[in-house]
Amino acid sequence: MNNYNLVDTGINRKSEPYILIEDTGVGMSITNAAEDVIRDLYGYLDIKGKHIYYTDTDGQTDELLHDNNGNFIDFKFGNEL
């Protein structure tokens, strides 16, 4: 997929592991392709137990909730790392 870039991985303020991606503004947005983005990340990264945050083209950072098996569940809006 080319609608996002991997920006960072690390530990957030709550001492929880995370992955941060950003929307490139090319093709479908992360918001509109959330299922595909989670499936894609699951294919090449260990996302189990990790929060997946994304920054959209407006600079807003939100979270993609997932089931640890490559399936998107929902959004959690208004998050800070």
N, C-alpha and C. Protein backbone atom coordinates (compact mmCIF):
# COMPACT_ATOMS: atom_id res chain seq x y z
N MET A 1 0.85 -1.19 0.00
CA MET A 1 0.00 0.00 0.00
C MET A 1 0.89 1.24 0.00
N ASN A 2 0.42 2.27 -0.63
CA ASN A 2 1.21 3.49 -0.66
C ASN A 2 0.43 4.69 -0.11
N ASN A 3 -0.61 4.44 0.69
CA ASN A 3 -1.35 5.56 1.26
C ASN A 3 -0.88 5.92 2.67
N TYR A 4 0.18 5.24 3.16
CA TYR A 4 0.73 5.61 4.46
C TYR A 4 2.22 5.34 4.52
N ASN A 5 2.88 6.02 5.46
CA ASN A 5 4.30 5.80 5.74
C ASN A 5 4.44 5.41 7.20
N LEU A 6 5.34 4.47 7.47
CA LEU A 6 5.68 4.13 8.84
C LEU A 6 6.55 5.26 9.38
N VAL A 7 6.15 5.86 10.50
CA VAL A 7 6.85 7.01 11.05
C VAL A 7 7.70 6.62 12.25
N ASP A 8 7.13 5.82 13.16
CA ASP A 8 7.81 5.55 14.41
C ASP A 8 7.21 4.31 15.08
N THR A 9 8.00 3.68 15.91
CA THR A 9 7.53 2.66 16.83
C THR A 9 8.16 2.97 18.17
N GLY A 10 7.50 2.63 19.24
CA GLY A 10 8.07 2.93 20.54
C GLY A 10 7.11 2.66 21.67
N ILE A 11 7.30 3.40 22.76
CA ILE A 11 6.48 3.27 23.96
C ILE A 11 5.83 4.62 24.22
N ASN A 12 4.51 4.62 24.41
CA ASN A 12 3.80 5.89 24.64
C ASN A 12 3.89 6.33 26.09
N ARG A 13 3.22 7.43 26.41
CA ARG A 13 3.27 8.00 27.76
C ARG A 13 2.71 7.07 28.83
N LYS A 14 1.88 6.13 28.42
CA LYS A 14 1.30 5.17 29.37
C LYS A 14 2.12 3.88 29.41
N SER A 15 3.34 3.93 28.87
CA SER A 15 4.24 2.77 28.81
C SER A 15 3.67 1.61 27.99
N GLU A 16 2.93 1.95 26.94
CA GLU A 16 2.35 0.95 26.05
C GLU A 16 3.04 1.00 24.69
N PRO A 17 3.31 -0.15 24.08
CA PRO A 17 3.96 -0.14 22.76
C PRO A 17 3.02 0.39 21.67
N TYR A 18 3.61 1.09 20.71
CA TYR A 18 2.79 1.63 19.64
C TYR A 18 3.53 1.61 18.31
N ILE A 19 2.74 1.79 17.26
CA ILE A 19 3.23 2.00 15.90
C ILE A 19 2.55 3.28 15.43
N LEU A 20 3.31 4.19 14.83
CA LEU A 20 2.75 5.43 14.30
C LEU A 20 2.94 5.45 12.80
N ILE A 21 1.84 5.68 12.08
CA ILE A 21 1.89 5.82 10.63
C ILE A 21 1.28 7.17 10.28
N GLU A 22 1.58 7.65 9.08
CA GLU A 22 0.99 8.91 8.63
C GLU A 22 0.40 8.73 7.24
N ASP A 23 -0.69 9.42 7.01
CA ASP A 23 -1.36 9.40 5.72
C ASP A 23 -0.53 10.20 4.73
N THR A 24 -0.30 9.64 3.55
CA THR A 24 0.49 10.32 2.52
C THR A 24 -0.33 11.29 1.68
N GLY A 25 -1.66 11.15 1.75
CA GLY A 25 -2.50 11.97 0.89
C GLY A 25 -2.62 11.42 -0.52
N VAL A 26 -2.05 10.23 -0.74
CA VAL A 26 -2.10 9.57 -2.05
C VAL A 26 -3.09 8.41 -1.96
N GLY A 27 -4.00 8.31 -2.90
CA GLY A 27 -4.96 7.21 -2.88
C GLY A 27 -5.97 7.39 -1.76
N MET A 28 -6.55 6.27 -1.32
CA MET A 28 -7.53 6.31 -0.24
C MET A 28 -6.86 6.73 1.06
N SER A 29 -7.59 7.46 1.88
CA SER A 29 -7.05 7.86 3.18
C SER A 29 -6.97 6.65 4.11
N ILE A 30 -6.17 6.78 5.14
CA ILE A 30 -6.10 5.71 6.14
C ILE A 30 -7.48 5.48 6.74
N THR A 31 -8.20 6.56 6.99
CA THR A 31 -9.55 6.45 7.55
C THR A 31 -10.45 5.60 6.66
N ASN A 32 -10.40 5.83 5.37
CA ASN A 32 -11.27 5.12 4.44
C ASN A 32 -10.75 3.72 4.08
N ALA A 33 -9.51 3.44 4.38
CA ALA A 33 -8.93 2.13 4.05
C ALA A 33 -8.43 1.41 5.31
N ALA A 34 -9.07 1.68 6.45
CA ALA A 34 -8.59 1.16 7.73
C ALA A 34 -8.43 -0.36 7.73
N GLU A 35 -9.38 -1.08 7.16
CA GLU A 35 -9.30 -2.55 7.12
C GLU A 35 -8.06 -3.00 6.36
N ASP A 36 -7.81 -2.39 5.20
CA ASP A 36 -6.65 -2.75 4.39
C ASP A 36 -5.34 -2.37 5.08
N VAL A 37 -5.32 -1.23 5.75
CA VAL A 37 -4.10 -0.77 6.43
C VAL A 37 -3.73 -1.75 7.54
N ILE A 38 -4.70 -2.13 8.37
CA ILE A 38 -4.41 -3.09 9.46
C ILE A 38 -3.94 -4.42 8.89
N ARG A 39 -4.62 -4.90 7.87
CA ARG A 39 -4.23 -6.17 7.24
C ARG A 39 -2.81 -6.09 6.68
N ASP A 40 -2.49 -4.96 6.05
CA ASP A 40 -1.16 -4.76 5.48
C ASP A 40 -0.09 -4.72 6.58
N LEU A 41 -0.32 -3.95 7.63
CA LEU A 41 0.64 -3.88 8.74
C LEU A 41 0.85 -5.25 9.37
N TYR A 42 -0.23 -5.99 9.55
CA TYR A 42 -0.16 -7.33 10.14
C TYR A 42 0.71 -8.26 9.29
N GLY A 43 0.73 -8.02 7.99
CA GLY A 43 1.51 -8.85 7.08
C GLY A 43 3.01 -8.67 7.21
N TYR A 44 3.48 -7.53 7.73
CA TYR A 44 4.93 -7.34 7.80
C TYR A 44 5.45 -6.82 9.14
N LEU A 45 4.57 -6.52 10.08
CA LEU A 45 5.00 -6.09 11.41
C LEU A 45 4.31 -6.91 12.49
N ASP A 46 4.94 -7.00 13.64
CA ASP A 46 4.29 -7.62 14.79
C ASP A 46 3.43 -6.56 15.45
N ILE A 47 2.12 -6.60 15.20
CA ILE A 47 1.22 -5.59 15.76
C ILE A 47 0.51 -6.08 17.01
N LYS A 48 0.71 -7.31 17.38
CA LYS A 48 0.01 -7.86 18.55
C LYS A 48 0.36 -7.06 19.80
N GLY A 49 -0.68 -6.62 20.50
CA GLY A 49 -0.50 -5.88 21.73
C GLY A 49 -0.02 -4.45 21.56
N LYS A 50 -0.02 -3.96 20.32
CA LYS A 50 0.47 -2.60 20.06
C LYS A 50 -0.67 -1.69 19.63
N HIS A 51 -0.60 -0.47 20.09
CA HIS A 51 -1.53 0.56 19.64
C HIS A 51 -1.06 1.02 18.26
N ILE A 52 -1.99 1.23 17.36
CA ILE A 52 -1.63 1.74 16.03
C ILE A 52 -2.26 3.11 15.88
N TYR A 53 -1.40 4.12 15.94
CA TYR A 53 -1.82 5.51 15.80
C TYR A 53 -1.55 5.95 14.36
N TYR A 54 -2.38 6.86 13.88
CA TYR A 54 -2.13 7.43 12.57
C TYR A 54 -2.39 8.92 12.59
N THR A 55 -1.60 9.63 11.80
CA THR A 55 -1.78 11.05 11.62
C THR A 55 -2.38 11.27 10.25
N ASP A 56 -3.54 11.92 10.22
CA ASP A 56 -4.19 12.15 8.93
C ASP A 56 -3.62 13.39 8.25
N THR A 57 -4.13 13.71 7.09
CA THR A 57 -3.58 14.82 6.31
C THR A 57 -3.86 16.19 6.94
N ASP A 58 -4.76 16.23 7.93
CA ASP A 58 -5.03 17.47 8.67
C ASP A 58 -4.18 17.59 9.93
N GLY A 59 -3.33 16.60 10.19
CA GLY A 59 -2.46 16.62 11.36
C GLY A 59 -3.09 16.04 12.62
N GLN A 60 -4.30 15.50 12.52
CA GLN A 60 -4.98 14.88 13.66
C GLN A 60 -4.46 13.46 13.86
N THR A 61 -4.13 13.11 15.11
CA THR A 61 -3.67 11.75 15.41
C THR A 61 -4.78 10.98 16.09
N ASP A 62 -5.14 9.84 15.52
CA ASP A 62 -6.17 8.95 16.05
C ASP A 62 -5.61 7.53 16.10
N GLU A 63 -6.42 6.61 16.59
CA GLU A 63 -5.96 5.23 16.75
C GLU A 63 -6.85 4.29 15.95
N LEU A 64 -6.21 3.29 15.33
CA LEU A 64 -6.92 2.20 14.68
C LEU A 64 -6.93 1.03 15.65
N LEU A 65 -8.12 0.66 16.12
CA LEU A 65 -8.22 -0.48 17.03
C LEU A 65 -8.27 -1.76 16.21
N HIS A 66 -7.60 -2.80 16.70
CA HIS A 66 -7.51 -4.06 15.96
C HIS A 66 -7.59 -5.23 16.94
N ASP A 67 -7.78 -6.42 16.41
CA ASP A 67 -7.97 -7.61 17.25
C ASP A 67 -6.71 -8.45 17.44
N ASN A 68 -5.55 -7.93 17.10
CA ASN A 68 -4.26 -8.64 17.19
C ASN A 68 -4.10 -9.74 16.16
N ASN A 69 -5.08 -9.93 15.28
CA ASN A 69 -5.00 -10.95 14.24
C ASN A 69 -5.16 -10.36 12.84
N GLY A 70 -4.88 -9.08 12.71
CA GLY A 70 -4.92 -8.44 11.40
C GLY A 70 -6.27 -7.91 10.99
N ASN A 71 -7.19 -7.78 11.94
CA ASN A 71 -8.53 -7.30 11.63
C ASN A 71 -8.80 -5.97 12.32
N PHE A 72 -9.27 -5.00 11.54
CA PHE A 72 -9.66 -3.70 12.06
C PHE A 72 -10.95 -3.84 12.85
N ILE A 73 -11.03 -3.14 14.00
CA ILE A 73 -12.25 -3.17 14.82
C ILE A 73 -12.99 -1.84 14.78
N ASP A 74 -12.26 -0.74 15.07
CA ASP A 74 -12.91 0.56 15.18
C ASP A 74 -11.85 1.65 15.26
N PHE A 75 -12.32 2.88 15.32
CA PHE A 75 -11.44 4.05 15.51
C PHE A 75 -11.55 4.53 16.95
N LYS A 76 -10.48 5.09 17.44
CA LYS A 76 -10.48 5.81 18.70
C LYS A 76 -9.92 7.19 18.38
N PHE A 77 -10.80 8.18 18.40
CA PHE A 77 -10.43 9.50 17.94
C PHE A 77 -9.85 10.36 19.06
N GLY A 78 -8.98 11.31 18.67
CA GLY A 78 -8.43 12.29 19.59
C GLY A 78 -7.36 11.76 20.51
N ASN A 79 -6.44 10.98 20.01
CA ASN A 79 -5.40 10.39 20.84
C ASN A 79 -4.10 11.18 20.78
N GLU A 80 -3.36 11.10 21.86
CA GLU A 80 -2.01 11.64 21.93
C GLU A 80 -1.07 10.52 22.31
N LEU A 81 0.13 10.56 21.78
CA LEU A 81 1.11 9.54 22.12
C LEU A 81 1.65 9.77 23.51
